Amino acid sequence: MQNFEGLSPNLQQDYDGFFDFEMKEDGLYLVVYAPHGKGKFVTVEDVVKRLNQRNYKQYNLETIKQAVNAVKSQEKIEVLLSSHEDVEPVNEQVLVEISKDKMFAVISFIPPQNNGVLLSYDDVLRQIEAKGVVFGIEKEELQKALDERRPNFKYIIAQGIKPINGENAKLEFHFRAHKEIKPKILEDGSVDFYNLDLIENVSKGQILVTLIPPTEGVPGKNVLGTDLFPIKGKNAKLPRGKNTEISEDGTKLIASIDGQVVYSNNVVNVYETYEVPNNVDNEVGNIDFVGNVIVKGNVVTGFSIVAGGNVEVYGVVEGARIEAQGDIILHRGIQGMSKGYLSSMGNIVAKYIENSTVEAAGDISSEAIMHSQIKSGGTVKVEGKKGLIVGGVVRARKQVDAKVIGSHMATVTEIEVGIDPALVERYRYLKDELAKTKKEIIKTDQVIELLNKMKEANKLTDEKRDMLQKSIRTKIFLNSRLKSITGEIAEIEPQLEEKEDGKVRAYGIIHPGVKVTIGTACMYIREELKYCTLYKDRADIRTSSYA
């Protein structure tokens, strides 16, 4: 059985004083209890009213006054109201009380006196309803209370339903809105400071944020039957920033361009350009971005930048790797230490290039190229105060322009023009693969021949029989590969033989020790050439004045 005092804070902390009548051997007693907290004291009028309801006629008013006053200084007091023979039968009574918030209703029983009659279930229910309690009546609890009938114990017999307030709208992010710089621990226990995964790329049309609408809530009702309306959830606003758009139904934030998504100052932006204010080092990690990348500092050895657009570096690029679908611009150049690598599907501009590998589909421009491997699908221009190309290999599809090529120490320097460097590289790779494949075919034929002889002599074990089958399959594969390689070589060779207008121009000097290749023609520079242009004339390379 539930105890009302344990479930209703209002009734537990503050309650009024109350009284009861108790029949003993010598007569009827009045028992008065003090209130608790801010509750009210029992009054004489309360007691007299109850006596009249019970048809008690024989009592002393002064005795009642004394009892009511005495309980103000003590918790409980009992006084004799009348002798046994003066008391008439009094039926059981039920008191119905409603909590201040009208969410609970309780009953308490006043036992019958002098052979009075007990109340029935229907009698109690009628009195409960007469008090206005029409909702949440727990009939099983009411029956338990009637079965138990503890005097003056408060039974909860009705409970209202509290309203459930609506939930506020929520924003569901489909990217990492809050990024933490936390290097990964690798399997060997070392820490990866390179791949920090700080950039999150998104594509045009990609959903960035979903707005989950607020809910209305669920209404409730108190024990008096009054509807209790919930507080509706508050709406939210999609955090629209730069290069984002809101869907037609207003529930989704969508990227309007390819770029880097960033959540800051309570808005979502998509940037075409990712800007690094300092160095690319272990505080930034490797960069992989779909748009443009700008680095205000240096790119430290061991780190990489991969960009779907342009890359611009204001500091020095060390032994790092940069790959761009657009242009690469290095304001202070690259000092690669034989580790630096630049690859661009556009043009490359660098103040200087030293000990690096540099490849561009377009032009390459610099003030100095030293001891590097250069490939350009267009023109290599080395101009400015130094205008120097020394050491390494410089290949260009169209032309190489420089002030000085080579050095007075006859440093080996190779210049190749007139043929697409990528095509030449592919051709050389295929020739190497062709030689390797032919060698493998010869070895495979030897194995097959030996195993076939063993087979004819009935000396072929199961293991050797499997080896024979594998060797036959290998030969079929190698022959197919040989056919593919020779076919591609046959397609490339005519392109290499085509007449090209490639030129090498020096508006200063070309030193001895330089090897110049234009198309399929080759020339070793054995004497200084000044202010000259080298070009191909049929099968030879000729020189003319710089123009």
Protein backbone atom coordinates (compact mmCIF):
# COMPACT_ATOMS: atom_id res chain seq x y z
CA MET A 1 0.00 0.00 0.00
CA GLN A 2 1.36 3.41 -0.97
CA ASN A 3 1.96 6.07 1.64
CA PHE A 4 0.84 9.54 0.51
CA GLU A 5 3.41 11.21 2.71
CA GLY A 6 6.21 9.42 0.83
CA LEU A 7 4.99 10.48 -2.60
CA SER A 8 3.63 14.01 -2.16
CA PRO A 9 6.24 16.56 -1.08
CA ASN A 10 3.49 19.09 -0.34
CA LEU A 11 1.79 16.78 2.14
CA GLN A 12 5.04 15.44 3.52
CA GLN A 13 6.68 18.74 4.41
CA ASP A 14 3.72 20.90 5.43
CA TYR A 15 0.42 19.53 6.71
CA ASP A 16 -2.34 20.77 8.97
CA GLY A 17 -3.03 19.53 12.43
CA PHE A 18 -5.79 16.97 12.76
CA PHE A 19 -7.85 15.20 15.39
CA ASP A 20 -9.67 11.94 15.96
CA PHE A 21 -12.09 10.35 18.37
CA GLU A 22 -11.15 7.17 20.16
CA MET A 23 -13.50 4.97 22.19
CA LYS A 24 -11.99 3.53 25.34
CA GLU A 25 -13.39 1.61 28.29
CA ASP A 26 -14.31 4.72 30.23
CA GLY A 27 -15.73 6.73 27.34
CA LEU A 28 -15.04 8.80 24.22
CA TYR A 29 -11.68 10.58 23.95
CA LEU A 30 -10.66 13.47 21.74
CA VAL A 31 -7.13 13.04 20.32
CA VAL A 32 -5.60 16.23 18.85
CA TYR A 33 -2.37 16.29 16.77
CA ALA A 34 -0.18 19.33 16.16
CA PRO A 35 0.45 20.55 12.58
CA HIS A 36 3.79 20.19 10.76
CA GLY A 37 5.76 22.99 9.17
CA LYS A 38 3.46 25.76 7.98
CA GLY A 39 0.29 23.74 8.55
CA LYS A 40 -2.72 25.10 10.47
CA PHE A 41 -3.72 24.17 14.00
CA VAL A 42 -6.98 22.40 14.75
CA THR A 43 -9.71 24.84 15.85
CA VAL A 44 -12.54 24.36 18.33
CA GLU A 45 -14.97 24.90 15.46
CA ASP A 46 -13.41 21.97 13.56
CA VAL A 47 -13.97 19.61 16.49
CA VAL A 48 -17.51 20.82 17.22
CA LYS A 49 -18.47 20.47 13.58
CA ARG A 50 -17.25 16.88 13.53
CA LEU A 51 -19.06 16.07 16.78
CA ASN A 52 -22.29 17.40 15.35
CA GLN A 53 -21.78 15.34 12.20
CA ARG A 54 -21.45 12.25 14.38
CA ASN A 55 -24.40 13.19 16.53
CA TYR A 56 -22.32 13.45 19.68
CA LYS A 57 -24.44 15.51 22.03
CA GLN A 58 -22.73 15.04 25.38
CA TYR A 59 -19.44 16.93 25.50
CA ASN A 60 -17.82 19.77 27.41
CA LEU A 61 -16.88 22.74 25.19
CA GLU A 62 -14.33 23.94 27.71
CA THR A 63 -12.55 20.58 27.56
CA ILE A 64 -12.29 20.93 23.79
CA LYS A 65 -10.82 24.44 24.11
CA GLN A 66 -8.22 23.21 26.60
CA ALA A 67 -7.16 20.36 24.29
CA VAL A 68 -6.89 22.62 21.23
CA ASN A 69 -4.77 25.14 23.13
CA ALA A 70 -2.61 22.50 24.80
CA VAL A 71 -1.51 20.93 21.48
CA LYS A 72 0.20 24.19 20.56
CA SER A 73 3.00 23.25 22.91
CA GLN A 74 3.08 19.49 22.35
CA GLU A 75 2.67 17.04 19.51
CA LYS A 76 -0.41 15.22 20.77
CA ILE A 77 -3.00 15.41 23.54
CA GLU A 78 -5.89 13.17 24.61
CA VAL A 79 -8.91 14.35 26.68
CA LEU A 80 -12.09 12.57 27.79
CA LEU A 81 -15.16 14.12 26.18
CA SER A 82 -17.93 11.98 27.60
CA SER A 83 -18.56 8.76 29.49
CA HIS A 84 -19.35 5.54 27.67
CA GLU A 85 -23.09 5.59 28.33
CA ASP A 86 -23.46 9.04 26.76
CA VAL A 87 -21.95 8.05 23.37
CA GLU A 88 -24.24 7.14 20.51
CA PRO A 89 -23.15 4.87 17.60
CA VAL A 90 -21.02 6.74 15.01
CA ASN A 91 -20.49 5.35 11.50
CA GLU A 92 -17.08 5.21 9.76
CA GLN A 93 -16.07 8.36 7.91
CA VAL A 94 -13.61 9.03 5.09
CA LEU A 95 -11.65 12.24 4.55
CA VAL A 96 -10.72 13.15 0.97
CA GLU A 97 -7.77 15.52 0.46
CA ILE A 98 -6.29 16.89 -2.75
CA SER A 99 -2.66 17.96 -3.07
CA LYS A 100 -1.87 21.60 -3.80
CA ASP A 101 -0.76 20.80 -7.33
CA LYS A 102 -3.97 18.77 -7.81
CA MET A 103 -1.95 15.82 -9.02
CA PHE A 104 -2.76 13.52 -6.06
CA ALA A 105 -5.86 12.66 -4.08
CA VAL A 106 -5.69 10.80 -0.77
CA ILE A 107 -8.19 9.37 1.64
CA SER A 108 -7.96 8.61 5.32
CA PHE A 109 -10.44 6.63 7.41
CA ILE A 110 -12.01 7.67 10.71
CA PRO A 111 -13.07 4.42 12.40
CA PRO A 112 -16.69 3.94 13.51
CA GLN A 113 -17.49 4.47 17.18
CA ASN A 114 -19.80 2.61 19.52
CA ASN A 115 -20.84 -0.07 17.01
CA GLY A 116 -21.08 2.31 14.05
CA VAL A 117 -21.27 1.02 10.46
CA LEU A 118 -18.32 0.72 8.00
CA LEU A 119 -18.49 2.50 4.65
CA SER A 120 -18.86 0.45 1.48
CA TYR A 121 -16.72 0.75 -1.65
CA ASP A 122 -19.46 2.71 -3.41
CA ASP A 123 -19.90 5.01 -0.39
CA VAL A 124 -16.22 5.94 -0.47
CA LEU A 125 -16.19 6.34 -4.26
CA ARG A 126 -19.16 8.71 -4.11
CA GLN A 127 -17.42 10.88 -1.53
CA ILE A 128 -14.23 10.95 -3.63
CA GLU A 129 -16.20 12.06 -6.69
CA ALA A 130 -18.11 14.57 -4.60
CA LYS A 131 -14.77 16.27 -3.92
CA GLY A 132 -14.34 16.71 -7.67
CA VAL A 133 -11.87 13.86 -8.19
CA VAL A 134 -12.83 12.42 -11.57
CA PHE A 135 -9.53 11.41 -13.20
CA GLY A 136 -6.80 8.95 -12.36
CA ILE A 137 -8.76 7.07 -9.70
CA GLU A 138 -6.89 3.86 -8.99
CA LYS A 139 -9.64 1.44 -8.10
CA GLU A 140 -7.27 -1.34 -7.07
CA GLU A 141 -5.54 1.00 -4.62
CA LEU A 142 -8.92 2.10 -3.31
CA GLN A 143 -9.92 -1.52 -2.69
CA LYS A 144 -6.61 -2.18 -0.90
CA ALA A 145 -7.23 0.84 1.31
CA LEU A 146 -10.71 -0.47 2.19
CA ASP A 147 -9.26 -3.89 2.95
CA GLU A 148 -6.61 -2.42 5.25
CA ARG A 149 -8.41 0.62 6.78
CA ARG A 150 -5.52 1.88 8.92
CA PRO A 151 -6.86 4.75 11.01
CA ASN A 152 -5.63 8.20 9.95
CA PHE A 153 -3.26 6.73 7.35
CA LYS A 154 -3.30 8.61 4.08
CA TYR A 155 -3.82 6.41 1.02
CA ILE A 156 -3.16 7.64 -2.50
CA ILE A 157 -6.20 6.67 -4.54
CA ALA A 158 -5.88 8.99 -7.54
CA GLN A 159 -2.96 10.37 -9.51
CA GLY A 160 -2.95 12.79 -12.39
CA ILE A 161 -0.70 12.60 -15.43
CA LYS A 162 1.91 15.31 -15.75
CA PRO A 163 2.35 16.83 -19.19
CA ILE A 164 5.56 15.98 -21.05
CA ASN A 165 7.05 19.13 -22.49
CA GLY A 166 8.12 19.10 -26.11
CA GLU A 167 11.76 18.64 -27.02
CA ASN A 168 13.64 21.53 -28.57
CA ALA A 169 14.78 21.26 -32.15
CA LYS A 170 18.17 19.61 -32.61
CA LEU A 171 20.95 20.06 -35.13
CA GLU A 172 22.50 16.83 -36.37
CA PHE A 173 25.94 17.49 -37.83
CA HIS A 174 27.15 15.16 -40.58
CA PHE A 175 30.78 16.17 -40.13
CA ARG A 176 33.14 16.59 -37.19
CA ALA A 177 32.05 19.99 -35.93
CA HIS A 178 34.57 19.95 -33.10
CA LYS A 179 38.01 18.71 -34.08
CA GLU A 180 40.67 17.74 -31.57
CA ILE A 181 44.38 17.79 -32.36
CA LYS A 182 45.25 14.30 -31.22
CA PRO A 183 48.02 12.34 -32.98
CA LYS A 184 47.31 8.67 -33.59
CA ILE A 185 49.24 5.92 -31.83
CA LEU A 186 50.51 3.48 -34.45
CA GLU A 187 50.66 -0.30 -34.05
CA ASP A 188 54.36 -0.19 -33.23
CA GLY A 189 53.69 2.29 -30.42
CA SER A 190 55.07 5.32 -32.23
CA VAL A 191 53.07 8.53 -32.62
CA ASP A 192 51.94 9.74 -36.06
CA PHE A 193 52.37 13.51 -36.08
CA TYR A 194 51.89 13.74 -39.84
CA ASN A 195 48.30 12.62 -40.43
CA LEU A 196 46.29 14.67 -37.94
CA ASP A 197 43.12 14.64 -40.08
CA LEU A 198 42.20 18.25 -39.29
CA ILE A 199 40.70 19.06 -42.70
CA GLU A 200 37.29 17.71 -43.62
CA ASN A 201 36.53 17.94 -47.32
CA VAL A 202 32.96 18.11 -48.61
CA SER A 203 31.44 18.02 -52.07
CA LYS A 204 28.89 20.30 -53.67
CA GLY A 205 25.40 19.07 -52.77
CA GLN A 206 26.59 17.19 -49.67
CA ILE A 207 24.31 17.42 -46.62
CA LEU A 208 26.18 19.12 -43.78
CA VAL A 209 23.53 19.57 -41.07
CA THR A 210 20.03 18.19 -40.58
CA LEU A 211 17.46 20.09 -38.52
CA ILE A 212 15.35 17.75 -36.39
CA PRO A 213 12.12 19.74 -35.73
CA PRO A 214 10.85 20.42 -32.20
CA THR A 215 8.07 18.26 -30.77
CA GLU A 216 4.68 19.41 -29.47
CA GLY A 217 4.88 17.45 -26.25
CA VAL A 218 2.24 15.26 -24.62
CA PRO A 219 -0.68 16.83 -22.68
CA GLY A 220 -1.51 15.74 -19.14
CA LYS A 221 -4.48 15.96 -16.77
CA ASN A 222 -4.89 16.49 -13.01
CA VAL A 223 -7.19 14.52 -10.73
CA LEU A 224 -9.92 17.16 -11.14
CA GLY A 225 -9.98 16.41 -14.87
CA THR A 226 -8.35 19.68 -15.92
CA ASP A 227 -6.22 19.39 -19.06
CA LEU A 228 -2.57 20.33 -18.56
CA PHE A 229 -0.92 21.58 -21.72
CA PRO A 230 2.78 20.95 -22.38
CA ILE A 231 5.35 23.59 -23.30
CA LYS A 232 6.15 23.24 -26.97
CA GLY A 233 9.78 22.68 -27.94
CA LYS A 234 11.70 25.67 -29.25
CA ASN A 235 12.69 25.77 -32.88
CA ALA A 236 16.30 26.11 -34.03
CA LYS A 237 17.97 27.78 -36.97
CA LEU A 238 20.25 26.02 -39.41
CA PRO A 239 23.76 27.51 -38.98
CA ARG A 240 24.09 28.77 -42.54
CA GLY A 241 27.42 30.36 -43.42
CA LYS A 242 29.48 30.95 -46.54
CA ASN A 243 28.95 28.69 -49.55
CA THR A 244 26.04 26.79 -48.01
CA GLU A 245 22.34 26.65 -48.86
CA ILE A 246 19.16 25.44 -47.19
CA SER A 247 16.99 22.74 -48.75
CA GLU A 248 13.46 23.54 -49.96
CA ASP A 249 11.87 21.85 -46.95
CA GLY A 250 14.07 23.91 -44.61
CA THR A 251 15.49 20.90 -42.79
CA LYS A 252 18.93 20.48 -44.37
CA LEU A 253 22.05 22.61 -44.77
CA ILE A 254 23.87 21.73 -47.99
CA ALA A 255 27.31 22.59 -49.35
CA SER A 256 27.05 24.77 -52.47
CA ILE A 257 30.69 24.21 -53.50
CA ASP A 258 33.50 21.70 -53.06
CA GLY A 259 35.73 22.73 -50.19
CA GLN A 260 36.62 22.54 -46.52
CA VAL A 261 33.77 22.57 -44.01
CA VAL A 262 34.40 24.53 -40.81
CA TYR A 263 32.06 25.13 -37.86
CA SER A 264 32.95 28.26 -35.92
CA ASN A 265 31.05 31.07 -34.20
CA ASN A 266 27.89 28.97 -34.48
CA VAL A 267 27.86 28.93 -38.29
CA VAL A 268 28.96 26.38 -40.90
CA ASN A 269 31.17 27.66 -43.69
CA VAL A 270 32.59 25.89 -46.72
CA TYR A 271 35.85 27.41 -47.88
CA GLU A 272 37.39 27.04 -51.32
CA THR A 273 40.76 27.83 -49.76
CA TYR A 274 42.39 26.22 -46.74
CA GLU A 275 44.81 28.66 -45.14
CA VAL A 276 47.61 27.67 -42.77
CA PRO A 277 48.75 30.78 -40.85
CA ASN A 278 52.08 29.25 -39.82
CA ASN A 279 54.20 26.24 -40.82
CA VAL A 280 52.95 22.89 -42.03
CA ASP A 281 54.46 20.78 -39.27
CA ASN A 282 53.34 18.43 -36.53
CA GLU A 283 50.82 20.98 -35.27
CA VAL A 284 49.01 20.90 -38.61
CA GLY A 285 49.92 17.52 -40.07
CA ASN A 286 49.58 16.44 -43.67
CA ILE A 287 47.02 18.36 -45.73
CA ASP A 288 44.56 16.71 -48.11
CA PHE A 289 42.11 19.32 -49.39
CA VAL A 290 39.72 19.49 -52.34
CA GLY A 291 40.29 23.20 -52.95
CA ASN A 292 43.13 25.70 -52.80
CA VAL A 293 45.77 25.67 -50.06
CA ILE A 294 47.69 28.71 -48.82
CA VAL A 295 50.60 28.27 -46.39
CA LYS A 296 51.93 31.45 -44.78
CA GLY A 297 54.95 29.68 -43.30
CA ASN A 298 57.22 26.81 -44.33
CA VAL A 299 56.42 23.23 -45.32
CA VAL A 300 58.65 21.15 -43.10
CA THR A 301 60.50 18.00 -44.19
CA GLY A 302 58.39 14.85 -44.10
CA PHE A 303 54.99 16.52 -44.51
CA SER A 304 52.75 16.59 -47.56
CA ILE A 305 50.09 18.73 -49.20
CA VAL A 306 47.56 17.28 -51.64
CA ALA A 307 45.19 19.86 -53.14
CA GLY A 308 42.36 19.73 -55.63
CA GLY A 309 43.14 23.34 -56.56
CA ASN A 310 46.20 25.57 -56.31
CA VAL A 311 48.91 25.52 -53.64
CA GLU A 312 50.67 28.72 -52.60
CA VAL A 313 53.51 28.70 -50.05
CA TYR A 314 54.99 31.94 -48.73
CA GLY A 315 57.82 30.26 -46.84
CA VAL A 316 60.36 27.61 -47.83
CA VAL A 317 59.42 24.09 -48.88
CA GLU A 318 61.89 21.62 -47.41
CA GLY A 319 62.03 17.88 -48.08
CA ALA A 320 58.26 17.80 -48.40
CA ARG A 321 55.75 16.57 -50.97
CA ILE A 322 53.21 18.82 -52.72
CA GLU A 323 50.66 17.60 -55.27
CA ALA A 324 48.12 19.97 -56.85
CA GLN A 325 45.44 19.65 -59.50
CA GLY A 326 46.01 23.35 -60.16
CA ASP A 327 49.11 25.54 -60.00
CA ILE A 328 51.90 25.51 -57.40
CA ILE A 329 53.42 28.85 -56.37
CA LEU A 330 56.43 28.90 -54.03
CA HIS A 331 57.39 32.44 -53.06
CA ARG A 332 60.70 31.33 -51.55
CA GLY A 333 61.30 28.11 -53.45
CA ILE A 334 62.05 24.51 -52.50
CA GLN A 335 65.20 23.14 -50.89
CA GLY A 336 64.35 19.49 -51.22
CA MET A 337 67.43 17.73 -49.80
CA SER A 338 66.78 14.98 -52.40
CA LYS A 339 63.36 14.39 -50.78
CA GLY A 340 61.35 17.33 -52.11
CA TYR A 341 58.66 16.56 -54.67
CA LEU A 342 56.29 18.87 -56.57
CA SER A 343 53.59 17.67 -58.95
CA SER A 344 51.14 20.00 -60.67
CA MET A 345 48.46 19.50 -63.30
CA GLY A 346 48.91 23.20 -64.05
CA ASN A 347 51.97 25.44 -63.84
CA ILE A 348 54.71 25.69 -61.21
CA VAL A 349 56.37 28.93 -60.14
CA ALA A 350 59.21 28.77 -57.59
CA LYS A 351 61.90 31.31 -56.70
CA TYR A 352 64.42 28.48 -56.76
CA ILE A 353 64.42 24.69 -57.06
CA GLU A 354 67.20 22.72 -55.41
CA ASN A 355 67.70 18.96 -55.01
CA SER A 356 64.08 18.18 -55.82
CA THR A 357 61.86 16.34 -58.27
CA VAL A 358 59.42 18.69 -60.00
CA GLU A 359 56.73 17.70 -62.50
CA ALA A 360 54.15 19.94 -64.19
CA ALA A 361 51.62 19.41 -66.95
CA GLY A 362 52.12 23.07 -67.84
CA ASP A 363 55.06 25.46 -67.57
CA ILE A 364 57.73 25.65 -64.86
CA SER A 365 59.23 29.03 -63.95
CA SER A 366 62.09 29.75 -61.55
CA GLU A 367 65.14 31.94 -60.95
CA ALA A 368 67.41 28.94 -60.39
CA ILE A 369 67.20 25.15 -60.85
CA MET A 370 69.99 23.20 -59.18
CA HIS A 371 70.60 19.45 -59.16
CA SER A 372 66.95 18.56 -59.71
CA GLN A 373 64.79 16.31 -61.87
CA ILE A 374 62.43 18.54 -63.87
CA LYS A 375 59.58 17.54 -66.20
CA SER A 376 57.35 20.06 -67.96
CA GLY A 377 54.51 19.49 -70.40
CA GLY A 378 55.12 23.03 -71.63
CA THR A 379 58.11 25.33 -71.23
CA VAL A 380 60.78 25.62 -68.54
CA LYS A 381 61.73 29.26 -67.97
CA VAL A 382 64.66 30.11 -65.70
CA GLU A 383 64.95 33.88 -65.63
CA GLY A 384 65.92 36.67 -63.28
CA LYS A 385 69.16 37.65 -61.59
CA LYS A 386 70.66 34.15 -61.70
CA GLY A 387 68.68 32.41 -64.43
CA LEU A 388 70.70 29.27 -63.67
CA ILE A 389 70.22 25.61 -64.55
CA VAL A 390 72.98 23.42 -63.17
CA GLY A 391 73.09 19.68 -62.55
CA GLY A 392 70.27 17.18 -62.85
CA VAL A 393 67.89 16.65 -65.76
CA VAL A 394 65.46 19.20 -67.20
CA ARG A 395 62.84 17.89 -69.64
CA ALA A 396 60.27 20.07 -71.42
CA ARG A 397 57.69 19.32 -74.09
CA LYS A 398 58.29 22.62 -75.89
CA GLN A 399 61.22 24.73 -74.78
CA VAL A 400 63.85 25.49 -72.13
CA ASP A 401 64.88 29.12 -71.57
CA ALA A 402 67.68 30.12 -69.18
CA LYS A 403 70.46 32.62 -68.67
CA VAL A 404 73.12 30.08 -67.70
CA ILE A 405 73.03 26.31 -68.31
CA GLY A 406 75.70 24.18 -66.63
CA SER A 407 78.76 25.55 -64.82
CA HIS A 408 82.40 26.36 -65.46
CA MET A 409 83.23 23.14 -63.57
CA ALA A 410 81.50 21.15 -66.34
CA THR A 411 78.81 19.87 -63.99
CA VAL A 412 76.81 17.19 -65.79
CA THR A 413 73.53 18.79 -66.81
CA GLU A 414 70.96 17.26 -69.17
CA ILE A 415 68.38 19.23 -71.14
CA GLU A 416 65.68 17.43 -73.16
CA VAL A 417 63.02 19.15 -75.27
CA GLY A 418 60.70 18.39 -78.18
CA ILE A 419 59.08 15.28 -76.73
CA ASP A 420 56.48 14.95 -74.03
CA PRO A 421 58.49 13.93 -70.91
CA ALA A 422 55.64 11.74 -69.72
CA LEU A 423 55.62 9.94 -73.05
CA VAL A 424 59.37 9.42 -72.92
CA GLU A 425 59.17 8.11 -69.38
CA ARG A 426 56.40 5.72 -70.34
CA TYR A 427 58.41 4.53 -73.32
CA ARG A 428 61.47 3.83 -71.18
CA TYR A 429 59.36 1.98 -68.62
CA LEU A 430 57.79 -0.19 -71.34
CA LYS A 431 61.20 -1.02 -72.82
CA ASP A 432 62.40 -2.18 -69.38
CA GLU A 433 59.25 -4.24 -68.88
CA LEU A 434 59.64 -5.75 -72.34
CA ALA A 435 63.14 -6.97 -71.52
CA LYS A 436 62.03 -8.40 -68.16
CA THR A 437 59.04 -10.18 -69.71
CA LYS A 438 61.17 -11.80 -72.42
CA LYS A 439 63.59 -13.12 -69.78
CA GLU A 440 60.70 -14.57 -67.75
CA ILE A 441 59.30 -16.28 -70.86
CA ILE A 442 62.69 -17.91 -71.57
CA LYS A 443 62.90 -19.20 -67.98
CA THR A 444 59.32 -20.48 -68.10
CA ASP A 445 59.95 -22.30 -71.41
CA GLN A 446 62.97 -24.01 -69.87
CA VAL A 447 60.92 -25.21 -66.88
CA ILE A 448 58.12 -26.49 -69.13
CA GLU A 449 60.59 -28.32 -71.39
CA LEU A 450 62.25 -30.03 -68.40
CA LEU A 451 58.94 -31.09 -66.85
CA ASN A 452 57.66 -32.45 -70.17
CA LYS A 453 60.77 -34.67 -70.45
CA MET A 454 60.09 -35.99 -66.93
CA LYS A 455 56.50 -36.63 -67.96
CA GLU A 456 57.59 -38.66 -71.01
CA ALA A 457 59.86 -40.73 -68.75
CA ASN A 458 56.98 -41.30 -66.27
CA LYS A 459 58.99 -39.55 -63.56
CA LEU A 460 56.49 -36.77 -62.93
CA THR A 461 55.31 -36.64 -59.30
CA ASP A 462 52.05 -34.99 -58.25
CA GLU A 463 54.00 -31.95 -57.07
CA LYS A 464 55.83 -31.66 -60.40
CA ARG A 465 52.55 -32.14 -62.28
CA ASP A 466 51.09 -29.12 -60.42
CA MET A 467 54.25 -27.16 -61.23
CA LEU A 468 53.82 -28.00 -64.93
CA GLN A 469 50.23 -26.74 -64.95
CA LYS A 470 51.25 -23.52 -63.18
CA SER A 471 54.12 -22.98 -65.60
CA ILE A 472 51.81 -23.37 -68.58
CA ARG A 473 49.39 -20.81 -67.10
CA THR A 474 52.32 -18.46 -66.39
CA LYS A 475 53.48 -18.70 -70.01
CA ILE A 476 50.00 -17.84 -71.26
CA PHE A 477 49.95 -14.77 -69.00
CA LEU A 478 53.47 -13.67 -70.04
CA ASN A 479 52.68 -14.02 -73.74
CA SER A 480 49.58 -11.89 -73.26
CA ARG A 481 51.61 -9.28 -71.39
CA LEU A 482 54.31 -9.32 -74.08
CA LYS A 483 51.69 -8.66 -76.74
CA SER A 484 50.24 -5.75 -74.75
CA ILE A 485 53.66 -4.14 -74.14
CA THR A 486 54.84 -4.46 -77.74
CA GLY A 487 51.54 -3.01 -78.94
CA GLU A 488 51.87 0.07 -76.73
CA ILE A 489 55.52 0.55 -77.72
CA ALA A 490 54.46 0.41 -81.37
CA GLU A 491 51.97 3.20 -80.72
CA ILE A 492 54.50 5.43 -78.91
CA GLU A 493 57.46 5.09 -81.27
CA PRO A 494 55.86 7.00 -84.18
CA GLN A 495 55.06 9.85 -81.80
CA LEU A 496 58.70 9.99 -80.73
CA GLU A 497 59.80 10.16 -84.37
CA GLU A 498 57.52 13.06 -85.24
CA LYS A 499 59.17 16.39 -86.07
CA GLU A 500 59.17 18.69 -83.09
CA ASP A 501 59.91 22.40 -82.78
CA GLY A 502 61.55 22.10 -79.38
CA LYS A 503 64.24 24.65 -78.58
CA VAL A 504 66.86 25.37 -75.94
CA ARG A 505 67.66 29.06 -75.52
CA ALA A 506 70.37 30.71 -73.41
CA TYR A 507 70.60 34.48 -73.17
CA GLY A 508 73.85 34.05 -71.24
CA ILE A 509 76.03 30.97 -71.65
CA ILE A 510 75.85 27.18 -72.04
CA HIS A 511 78.88 25.55 -70.40
CA PRO A 512 80.69 22.41 -71.52
CA GLY A 513 79.41 19.26 -69.84
CA VAL A 514 75.80 19.95 -70.84
CA LYS A 515 73.93 17.30 -72.84
CA VAL A 516 71.12 18.61 -75.04
CA THR A 517 68.49 16.31 -76.56
CA ILE A 518 65.88 17.64 -78.99
CA GLY A 519 63.48 14.94 -80.07
CA THR A 520 65.68 12.00 -81.05
CA ALA A 521 68.78 14.11 -81.76
CA CYS A 522 71.50 14.50 -79.15
CA MET A 523 74.37 16.99 -78.71
CA TYR A 524 77.14 17.24 -76.09
CA ILE A 525 78.36 20.78 -75.46
CA ARG A 526 82.16 20.77 -75.57
CA GLU A 527 82.77 24.51 -75.89
CA GLU A 528 81.03 27.50 -74.38
CA LEU A 529 78.02 28.74 -76.30
CA LYS A 530 76.85 32.31 -75.67
CA TYR A 531 73.56 34.04 -76.46
CA CYS A 532 72.37 31.12 -78.51
CA THR A 533 69.38 29.04 -79.55
CA LEU A 534 69.65 25.28 -80.11
CA TYR A 535 67.12 23.66 -82.45
CA LYS A 536 66.70 20.47 -84.46
CA ASP A 537 67.40 20.42 -88.18
CA ARG A 538 66.50 16.99 -89.55
CA ALA A 539 68.69 14.55 -87.60
CA ASP A 540 71.05 17.17 -86.17
CA ILE A 541 71.01 19.90 -83.55
CA ARG A 542 72.16 23.28 -84.77
CA THR A 543 72.86 26.61 -83.08
CA SER A 544 71.85 30.13 -83.94
CA SER A 545 71.88 33.48 -82.19
CA TYR A 546 69.54 34.00 -79.26
CA ALA A 547 66.10 34.99 -80.50
